[in-house]
PDB file of all heavy atoms in Angstrom:
ATOM      1  N   VAL A   1       0.848  -1.196   0.000  1.00  0.00           N
ATOM      2  CA  VAL A   1       0.000   0.000   0.000  1.00  0.00           C
ATOM      3  C   VAL A   1       0.881   1.243   0.000  1.00  0.00           C
ATOM      4  O   VAL A   1       1.881   1.322   0.724  1.00  0.00           O
ATOM      5  CB  VAL A   1      -0.926  -0.008   1.237  1.00  0.00           C
ATOM      6  CG1 VAL A   1      -1.651   1.315   1.385  1.00  0.00           C
ATOM      7  CG2 VAL A   1      -1.917  -1.152   1.148  1.00  0.00           C
ATOM      8  N   ASP A   2       0.533   2.199  -0.840  1.00  0.00           N
ATOM      9  CA  ASP A   2       1.303   3.434  -0.930  1.00  0.00           C
ATOM     10  C   ASP A   2       1.305   4.155   0.417  1.00  0.00           C
ATOM     11  O   ASP A   2       0.291   4.150   1.136  1.00  0.00           O
ATOM     12  CB  ASP A   2       0.689   4.349  -1.994  1.00  0.00           C
ATOM     13  CG  ASP A   2       1.539   5.564  -2.288  1.00  0.00           C
ATOM     14  OD1 ASP A   2       2.403   5.483  -3.169  1.00  0.00           O
ATOM     15  OD2 ASP A   2       1.328   6.603  -1.611  1.00  0.00           O
ATOM     16  N   PRO A   3       2.414   4.800   0.795  1.00  0.00           N
ATOM     17  CA  PRO A   3       2.464   5.515   2.073  1.00  0.00           C
ATOM     18  C   PRO A   3       1.377   6.570   2.228  1.00  0.00           C
ATOM     19  O   PRO A   3       0.926   6.837   3.344  1.00  0.00           O
ATOM     20  CB  PRO A   3       3.858   6.145   2.075  1.00  0.00           C
ATOM     21  CG  PRO A   3       4.664   5.275   1.178  1.00  0.00           C
ATOM     22  CD  PRO A   3       3.719   4.791   0.125  1.00  0.00           C
ATOM     23  N   TYR A   4       0.943   7.166   1.128  1.00  0.00           N
ATOM     24  CA  TYR A   4      -0.153   8.148   1.208  1.00  0.00           C
ATOM     25  C   TYR A   4      -1.452   7.463   1.637  1.00  0.00           C
ATOM     26  O   TYR A   4      -2.167   7.961   2.511  1.00  0.00           O
ATOM     27  CB  TYR A   4      -0.340   8.846  -0.137  1.00  0.00           C
ATOM     28  CG  TYR A   4      -1.605   9.661  -0.216  1.00  0.00           C
ATOM     29  CD1 TYR A   4      -1.652  10.964   0.261  1.00  0.00           C
ATOM     30  CD2 TYR A   4      -2.777   9.105  -0.746  1.00  0.00           C
ATOM     31  CE1 TYR A   4      -2.838  11.700   0.213  1.00  0.00           C
ATOM     32  CE2 TYR A   4      -3.954   9.838  -0.797  1.00  0.00           C
ATOM     33  CZ  TYR A   4      -3.975  11.133  -0.317  1.00  0.00           C
ATOM     34  OH  TYR A   4      -5.150  11.849  -0.357  1.00  0.00           O
ATOM     35  N   ILE A   5      -1.779   6.326   1.025  1.00  0.00           N
ATOM     36  CA  ILE A   5      -2.979   5.583   1.399  1.00  0.00           C
ATOM     37  C   ILE A   5      -2.885   5.109   2.841  1.00  0.00           C
ATOM     38  O   ILE A   5      -3.866   5.137   3.593  1.00  0.00           O
ATOM     39  CB  ILE A   5      -3.210   4.402   0.450  1.00  0.00           C
ATOM     40  CG1 ILE A   5      -3.576   4.908  -0.953  1.00  0.00           C
ATOM     41  CG2 ILE A   5      -4.275   3.459   0.978  1.00  0.00           C
ATOM     42  CD1 ILE A   5      -4.901   5.639  -1.030  1.00  0.00           C
ATOM     43  N   ALA A   6      -1.684   4.701   3.261  1.00  0.00           N
ATOM     44  CA  ALA A   6      -1.491   4.295   4.652  1.00  0.00           C
ATOM     45  C   ALA A   6      -1.785   5.454   5.595  1.00  0.00           C
ATOM     46  O   ALA A   6      -2.322   5.257   6.684  1.00  0.00           O
ATOM     47  CB  ALA A   6      -0.064   3.779   4.853  1.00  0.00           C
ATOM     48  N   LEU A   7      -1.445   6.675   5.183  1.00  0.00           N
ATOM     49  CA  LEU A   7      -1.735   7.854   6.006  1.00  0.00           C
ATOM     50  C   LEU A   7      -3.236   8.111   6.076  1.00  0.00           C
ATOM     51  O   LEU A   7      -3.798   8.281   7.164  1.00  0.00           O
ATOM     52  CB  LEU A   7      -1.007   9.067   5.436  1.00  0.00           C
ATOM     53  CG  LEU A   7      -1.191  10.416   6.147  1.00  0.00           C
ATOM     54  CD1 LEU A   7       0.049  11.279   5.960  1.00  0.00           C
ATOM     55  CD2 LEU A   7      -2.405  11.188   5.646  1.00  0.00           C
ATOM     56  N   VAL A   8      -3.901   8.127   4.917  1.00  0.00           N
ATOM     57  CA  VAL A   8      -5.332   8.439   4.888  1.00  0.00           C
ATOM     58  C   VAL A   8      -6.130   7.365   5.635  1.00  0.00           C
ATOM     59  O   VAL A   8      -7.077   7.679   6.356  1.00  0.00           O
ATOM     60  CB  VAL A   8      -5.838   8.589   3.446  1.00  0.00           C
ATOM     61  CG1 VAL A   8      -7.336   8.881   3.422  1.00  0.00           C
ATOM     62  CG2 VAL A   8      -5.083   9.700   2.726  1.00  0.00           C
ATOM     63  N   GLY A   9      -5.778   6.099   5.423  1.00  0.00           N
ATOM     64  CA  GLY A   9      -6.432   5.026   6.161  1.00  0.00           C
ATOM     65  C   GLY A   9      -7.374   4.164   5.354  1.00  0.00           C
ATOM     66  O   GLY A   9      -8.022   3.267   5.900  1.00  0.00           O
ATOM     67  N   GLY A  10      -7.481   4.393   4.037  1.00  0.00           N
ATOM     68  CA  GLY A  10      -8.340   3.589   3.183  1.00  0.00           C
ATOM     69  C   GLY A  10      -8.144   3.976   1.734  1.00  0.00           C
ATOM     70  O   GLY A  10      -7.594   5.044   1.429  1.00  0.00           O
ATOM     71  N   GLU A  11      -8.602   3.105   0.814  1.00  0.00           N
ATOM     72  CA  GLU A  11      -8.399   3.322  -0.615  1.00  0.00           C
ATOM     73  C   GLU A  11      -9.686   3.059  -1.375  1.00  0.00           C
ATOM     74  O   GLU A  11     -10.314   2.003  -1.212  1.00  0.00           O
ATOM     75  CB  GLU A  11      -7.293   2.391  -1.126  1.00  0.00           C
ATOM     76  CG  GLU A  11      -6.985   2.531  -2.592  1.00  0.00           C
ATOM     77  CD  GLU A  11      -5.837   1.641  -3.038  1.00  0.00           C
ATOM     78  OE1 GLU A  11      -5.249   0.943  -2.196  1.00  0.00           O
ATOM     79  OE2 GLU A  11      -5.526   1.649  -4.245  1.00  0.00           O
ATOM     80  N   ALA A  12     -10.090   3.991  -2.229  1.00  0.00           N
ATOM     81  CA  ALA A  12     -11.285   3.825  -3.054  1.00  0.00           C
ATOM     82  C   ALA A  12     -11.020   2.811  -4.152  1.00  0.00           C
ATOM     83  O   ALA A  12      -9.923   2.764  -4.727  1.00  0.00           O
ATOM     84  CB  ALA A  12     -11.695   5.164  -3.659  1.00  0.00           C
ATOM     85  N   ILE A  13     -12.046   2.003  -4.459  1.00  0.00           N
ATOM     86  CA  ILE A  13     -11.898   1.014  -5.539  1.00  0.00           C
ATOM     87  C   ILE A  13     -13.013   1.137  -6.573  1.00  0.00           C
ATOM     88  O   ILE A  13     -13.085   0.326  -7.486  1.00  0.00           O
ATOM     89  CB  ILE A  13     -11.856  -0.420  -4.983  1.00  0.00           C
ATOM     90  CG1 ILE A  13     -13.055  -0.720  -4.087  1.00  0.00           C
ATOM     91  CG2 ILE A  13     -10.551  -0.665  -4.243  1.00  0.00           C
ATOM     92  CD1 ILE A  13     -13.100  -2.154  -3.590  1.00  0.00           C
ATOM     93  N   GLY A  14     -13.859   2.120  -6.452  1.00  0.00           N
ATOM     94  CA  GLY A  14     -14.940   2.297  -7.415  1.00  0.00           C
ATOM     95  C   GLY A  14     -16.221   2.729  -6.724  1.00  0.00           C
ATOM     96  O   GLY A  14     -16.254   2.951  -5.513  1.00  0.00           O
ATOM     97  N   HIS A  15     -17.292   2.829  -7.525  1.00  0.00           N
ATOM     98  CA  HIS A  15     -18.581   3.234  -6.969  1.00  0.00           C
ATOM     99  C   HIS A  15     -19.691   2.764  -7.889  1.00  0.00           C
ATOM    100  O   HIS A  15     -19.480   2.507  -9.079  1.00  0.00           O
ATOM    101  CB  HIS A  15     -18.655   4.746  -6.782  1.00  0.00           C
ATOM    102  CG  HIS A  15     -18.461   5.524  -8.047  1.00  0.00           C
ATOM    103  ND1 HIS A  15     -19.486   5.735  -8.951  1.00  0.00           N
ATOM    104  CD2 HIS A  15     -17.358   6.122  -8.579  1.00  0.00           C
ATOM    105  CE1 HIS A  15     -19.028   6.434  -9.985  1.00  0.00           C
ATOM    106  NE2 HIS A  15     -17.740   6.693  -9.787  1.00  0.00           N
ATOM    107  N   GLY A  16     -20.874   2.656  -7.335  1.00  0.00           N
ATOM    108  CA  GLY A  16     -22.055   2.357  -8.113  1.00  0.00           C
ATOM    109  C   GLY A  16     -22.796   3.625  -8.479  1.00  0.00           C
ATOM    110  O   GLY A  16     -22.237   4.731  -8.399  1.00  0.00           O
ATOM    111  N   PRO A  17     -24.068   3.518  -8.877  1.00  0.00           N
ATOM    112  CA  PRO A  17     -24.839   4.718  -9.237  1.00  0.00           C
ATOM    113  C   PRO A  17     -25.096   5.590  -8.025  1.00  0.00           C
ATOM    114  O   PRO A  17     -25.166   5.107  -6.888  1.00  0.00           O
ATOM    115  CB  PRO A  17     -26.147   4.132  -9.781  1.00  0.00           C
ATOM    116  CG  PRO A  17     -26.268   2.792  -9.130  1.00  0.00           C
ATOM    117  CD  PRO A  17     -24.869   2.278  -8.993  1.00  0.00           C
ATOM    118  N   GLN A  18     -25.227   6.885  -8.268  1.00  0.00           N
ATOM    119  CA  GLN A  18     -25.608   7.785  -7.190  1.00  0.00           C
ATOM    120  C   GLN A  18     -26.972   7.358  -6.652  1.00  0.00           C
ATOM    121  O   GLN A  18     -27.873   7.004  -7.416  1.00  0.00           O
ATOM    122  CB  GLN A  18     -25.665   9.233  -7.676  1.00  0.00           C
ATOM    123  CG  GLN A  18     -24.301   9.791  -8.047  1.00  0.00           C
ATOM    124  CD  GLN A  18     -24.357  11.268  -8.371  1.00  0.00           C
ATOM    125  OE1 GLN A  18     -25.173  12.018  -7.833  1.00  0.00           O
ATOM    126  NE2 GLN A  18     -23.470  11.720  -9.239  1.00  0.00           N
ATOM    127  N   GLN A  19     -27.103   7.403  -5.331  1.00  0.00           N
ATOM    128  CA  GLN A  19     -28.330   6.920  -4.696  1.00  0.00           C
ATOM    129  C   GLN A  19     -28.384   7.429  -3.270  1.00  0.00           C
ATOM    130  O   GLN A  19     -27.374   7.867  -2.713  1.00  0.00           O
ATOM    131  CB  GLN A  19     -28.351   5.392  -4.686  1.00  0.00           C
ATOM    132  CG  GLN A  19     -27.172   4.772  -3.968  1.00  0.00           C
ATOM    133  CD  GLN A  19     -27.026   3.286  -4.254  1.00  0.00           C
ATOM    134  OE1 GLN A  19     -27.799   2.480  -3.732  1.00  0.00           O
ATOM    135  NE2 GLN A  19     -26.058   2.932  -5.109  1.00  0.00           N
ATOM    136  N   GLU A  20     -29.576   7.358  -2.688  1.00  0.00           N
ATOM    137  CA  GLU A  20     -29.695   7.672  -1.282  1.00  0.00           C
ATOM    138  C   GLU A  20     -29.296   6.444  -0.472  1.00  0.00           C
ATOM    139  O   GLU A  20     -29.738   5.328  -0.744  1.00  0.00           O
ATOM    140  CB  GLU A  20     -31.118   8.092  -0.931  1.00  0.00           C
ATOM    141  CG  GLU A  20     -31.253   8.556   0.512  1.00  0.00           C
ATOM    142  CD  GLU A  20     -32.522   9.329   0.770  1.00  0.00           C
ATOM    143  OE1 GLU A  20     -33.191   9.734  -0.202  1.00  0.00           O
ATOM    144  OE2 GLU A  20     -32.835   9.534   1.959  1.00  0.00           O
ATOM    145  N   ALA A  21     -28.437   6.664   0.514  1.00  0.00           N
ATOM    146  CA  ALA A  21     -27.955   5.571   1.348  1.00  0.00           C
ATOM    147  C   ALA A  21     -27.788   6.069   2.771  1.00  0.00           C
ATOM    148  O   ALA A  21     -27.638   7.266   3.016  1.00  0.00           O
ATOM    149  CB  ALA A  21     -26.632   5.020   0.814  1.00  0.00           C
ATOM    150  N   SER A  22     -27.803   5.126   3.686  1.00  0.00           N
ATOM    151  CA  SER A  22     -27.770   5.445   5.111  1.00  0.00           C
ATOM    152  C   SER A  22     -26.374   5.298   5.682  1.00  0.00           C
ATOM    153  O   SER A  22     -25.618   4.392   5.305  1.00  0.00           O
ATOM    154  CB  SER A  22     -28.721   4.521   5.880  1.00  0.00           C
ATOM    155  OG  SER A  22     -30.042   4.690   5.439  1.00  0.00           O
ATOM    156  N   LEU A  23     -26.048   6.197   6.591  1.00  0.00           N
ATOM    157  CA  LEU A  23     -24.807   6.149   7.341  1.00  0.00           C
ATOM    158  C   LEU A  23     -25.157   6.062   8.827  1.00  0.00           C
ATOM    159  O   LEU A  23     -25.876   6.910   9.346  1.00  0.00           O
ATOM    160  CB  LEU A  23     -23.964   7.405   7.094  1.00  0.00           C
ATOM    161  CG  LEU A  23     -23.549   7.685   5.657  1.00  0.00           C
ATOM    162  CD1 LEU A  23     -22.861   9.047   5.568  1.00  0.00           C
ATOM    163  CD2 LEU A  23     -22.616   6.596   5.126  1.00  0.00           C
ATOM    164  N   LEU A  24     -24.656   5.024   9.501  1.00  0.00           N
ATOM    165  CA  LEU A  24     -24.826   4.934  10.943  1.00  0.00           C
ATOM    166  C   LEU A  24     -23.771   5.787  11.623  1.00  0.00           C
ATOM    167  O   LEU A  24     -22.615   5.813  11.199  1.00  0.00           O
ATOM    168  CB  LEU A  24     -24.706   3.486  11.406  1.00  0.00           C
ATOM    169  CG  LEU A  24     -25.795   2.519  10.958  1.00  0.00           C
ATOM    170  CD1 LEU A  24     -25.567   1.156  11.591  1.00  0.00           C
ATOM    171  CD2 LEU A  24     -27.172   3.050  11.309  1.00  0.00           C
ATOM    172  N   MET A  25     -24.157   6.470  12.680  1.00  0.00           N
ATOM    173  CA  MET A  25     -23.241   7.362  13.382  1.00  0.00           C
ATOM    174  C   MET A  25     -22.691   6.694  14.641  1.00  0.00           C
ATOM    175  O   MET A  25     -23.411   6.009  15.358  1.00  0.00           O
ATOM    176  CB  MET A  25     -23.949   8.655  13.781  1.00  0.00           C
ATOM    177  CG  MET A  25     -24.499   9.444  12.614  1.00  0.00           C
ATOM    178  SD  MET A  25     -25.024  11.121  13.091  1.00  0.00           S
ATOM    179  CE  MET A  25     -26.240  10.770  14.348  1.00  0.00           C
ATOM    180  N   ILE A  26     -21.400   6.899  14.878  1.00  0.00           N
ATOM    181  CA  ILE A  26     -20.777   6.596  16.158  1.00  0.00           C
ATOM    182  C   ILE A  26     -20.603   7.956  16.834  1.00  0.00           C
ATOM    183  O   ILE A  26     -19.624   8.667  16.582  1.00  0.00           O
ATOM    184  CB  ILE A  26     -19.425   5.886  15.994  1.00  0.00           C
ATOM    185  CG1 ILE A  26     -19.549   4.697  15.047  1.00  0.00           C
ATOM    186  CG2 ILE A  26     -18.878   5.466  17.355  1.00  0.00           C
ATOM    187  CD1 ILE A  26     -20.460   3.603  15.533  1.00  0.00           C
ATOM    188  N   PRO A  27     -21.550   8.382  17.658  1.00  0.00           N
ATOM    189  CA  PRO A  27     -21.652   9.814  18.031  1.00  0.00           C
ATOM    190  C   PRO A  27     -20.727  10.264  19.152  1.00  0.00           C
ATOM    191  O   PRO A  27     -21.135  10.950  20.070  1.00  0.00           O
ATOM    192  CB  PRO A  27     -23.123   9.932  18.449  1.00  0.00           C
ATOM    193  CG  PRO A  27     -23.449   8.592  19.006  1.00  0.00           C
ATOM    194  CD  PRO A  27     -22.662   7.601  18.190  1.00  0.00           C
ATOM    195  N   ARG A  28     -19.446   9.906  19.046  1.00  0.00           N
ATOM    196  CA  ARG A  28     -18.482  10.408  20.023  1.00  0.00           C
ATOM    197  C   ARG A  28     -17.657  11.543  19.446  1.00  0.00           C
ATOM    198  O   ARG A  28     -16.978  12.261  20.172  1.00  0.00           O
ATOM    199  CB  ARG A  28     -17.522   9.284  20.466  1.00  0.00           C
ATOM    200  CG  ARG A  28     -18.187   8.110  21.145  1.00  0.00           C
ATOM    201  CD  ARG A  28     -17.144   7.099  21.631  1.00  0.00           C
ATOM    202  NE  ARG A  28     -16.367   6.549  20.541  1.00  0.00           N
ATOM    203  CZ  ARG A  28     -15.058   6.750  20.340  1.00  0.00           C
ATOM    204  NH1 ARG A  28     -14.385   7.530  21.154  1.00  0.00           N
ATOM    205  NH2 ARG A  28     -14.439   6.205  19.321  1.00  0.00           N
ATOM    206  N   PHE A  29     -17.701  11.703  18.130  1.00  0.00           N
ATOM    207  CA  PHE A  29     -16.783  12.612  17.455  1.00  0.00           C
ATOM    208  C   PHE A  29     -17.334  14.030  17.421  1.00  0.00           C
ATOM    209  O   PHE A  29     -18.535  14.229  17.266  1.00  0.00           O
ATOM    210  CB  PHE A  29     -16.524  12.121  16.028  1.00  0.00           C
ATOM    211  CG  PHE A  29     -15.374  12.804  15.342  1.00  0.00           C
ATOM    212  CD1 PHE A  29     -14.066  12.497  15.679  1.00  0.00           C
ATOM    213  CD2 PHE A  29     -15.600  13.764  14.379  1.00  0.00           C
ATOM    214  CE1 PHE A  29     -13.009  13.132  15.059  1.00  0.00           C
ATOM    215  CE2 PHE A  29     -14.545  14.405  13.749  1.00  0.00           C
ATOM    216  CZ  PHE A  29     -13.244  14.079  14.097  1.00  0.00           C
ATOM    217  N   PRO A  30     -16.473  15.048  17.577  1.00  0.00           N
ATOM    218  CA  PRO A  30     -16.937  16.442  17.480  1.00  0.00           C
ATOM    219  C   PRO A  30     -17.681  16.684  16.171  1.00  0.00           C
ATOM    220  O   PRO A  30     -17.284  16.189  15.121  1.00  0.00           O
ATOM    221  CB  PRO A  30     -15.631  17.251  17.531  1.00  0.00           C
ATOM    222  CG  PRO A  30     -14.653  16.359  18.206  1.00  0.00           C
ATOM    223  CD  PRO A  30     -15.015  14.953  17.821  1.00  0.00           C
ATOM    224  N   GLY A  31     -18.728  17.447  16.225  1.00  0.00           N
ATOM    225  CA  GLY A  31     -19.544  17.688  15.038  1.00  0.00           C
ATOM    226  C   GLY A  31     -20.640  16.651  14.929  1.00  0.00           C
ATOM    227  O   GLY A  31     -21.818  16.983  14.892  1.00  0.00           O
ATOM    228  N   VAL A  32     -20.265  15.374  14.883  1.00  0.00           N
ATOM    229  CA  VAL A  32     -21.258  14.310  14.813  1.00  0.00           C
ATOM    230  C   VAL A  32     -22.055  14.258  16.105  1.00  0.00           C
ATOM    231  O   VAL A  32     -23.288  14.202  16.094  1.00  0.00           O
ATOM    232  CB  VAL A  32     -20.583  12.951  14.534  1.00  0.00           C
ATOM    233  CG1 VAL A  32     -21.599  11.809  14.610  1.00  0.00           C
ATOM    234  CG2 VAL A  32     -19.907  12.967  13.174  1.00  0.00           C
ATOM    235  N   ARG A  33     -21.377  14.304  17.232  1.00  0.00           N
ATOM    236  CA  ARG A  33     -22.107  14.240  18.502  1.00  0.00           C
ATOM    237  C   ARG A  33     -22.943  15.493  18.727  1.00  0.00           C
ATOM    238  O   ARG A  33     -23.940  15.460  19.441  1.00  0.00           O
ATOM    239  CB  ARG A  33     -21.129  14.038  19.664  1.00  0.00           C
ATOM    240  CG  ARG A  33     -20.211  15.213  19.944  1.00  0.00           C
ATOM    241  CD  ARG A  33     -19.185  14.875  21.012  1.00  0.00           C
ATOM    242  NE  ARG A  33     -18.273  15.985  21.266  1.00  0.00           N
ATOM    243  CZ  ARG A  33     -16.986  15.827  21.598  1.00  0.00           C
ATOM    244  NH1 ARG A  33     -16.474  14.622  21.708  1.00  0.00           N
ATOM    245  NH2 ARG A  33     -16.225  16.878  21.821  1.00  0.00           N
ATOM    246  N   ASP A  34     -22.563  16.603  18.089  1.00  0.00           N
ATOM    247  CA  ASP A  34     -23.302  17.847  18.265  1.00  0.00           C
ATOM    248  C   ASP A  34     -24.566  17.905  17.413  1.00  0.00           C
ATOM    249  O   ASP A  34     -25.426  18.752  17.644  1.00  0.00           O
ATOM    250  CB  ASP A  34     -22.406  19.042  17.956  1.00  0.00           C
ATOM    251  CG  ASP A  34     -21.242  19.155  18.934  1.00  0.00           C
ATOM    252  OD1 ASP A  34     -21.511  19.084  20.140  1.00  0.00           O
ATOM    253  OD2 ASP A  34     -20.093  19.280  18.499  1.00  0.00           O
ATOM    254  N   ILE A  35     -24.680  17.013  16.402  1.00  0.00           N
ATOM    255  CA  ILE A  35     -25.931  16.949  15.642  1.00  0.00           C
ATOM    256  C   ILE A  35     -27.044  16.519  16.578  1.00  0.00           C
ATOM    257  O   ILE A  35     -28.118  17.105  16.602  1.00  0.00           O
ATOM    258  CB  ILE A  35     -25.787  15.984  14.449  1.00  0.00           C
ATOM    259  CG1 ILE A  35     -24.840  16.590  13.406  1.00  0.00           C
ATOM    260  CG2 ILE A  35     -27.142  15.701  13.821  1.00  0.00           C
ATOM    261  CD1 ILE A  35     -24.511  15.658  12.259  1.00  0.00           C
ATOM    262  N   GLY A  36     -26.773  15.462  17.350  1.00  0.00           N
ATOM    263  CA  GLY A  36     -27.602  15.089  18.479  1.00  0.00           C
ATOM    264  C   GLY A  36     -29.063  14.814  18.200  1.00  0.00           C
ATOM    265  O   GLY A  36     -29.899  14.993  19.082  1.00  0.00           O
TER     266      GLY A  36
END
């Protein structure tokens, strides 16, 4: 893995069609926990 990808923490491999999708929150992080 390239050192840049190792820094970022993940690598994109493609995508499907644009669509509405759900994201589950782990609400400990600043900003996310403030949505509340």
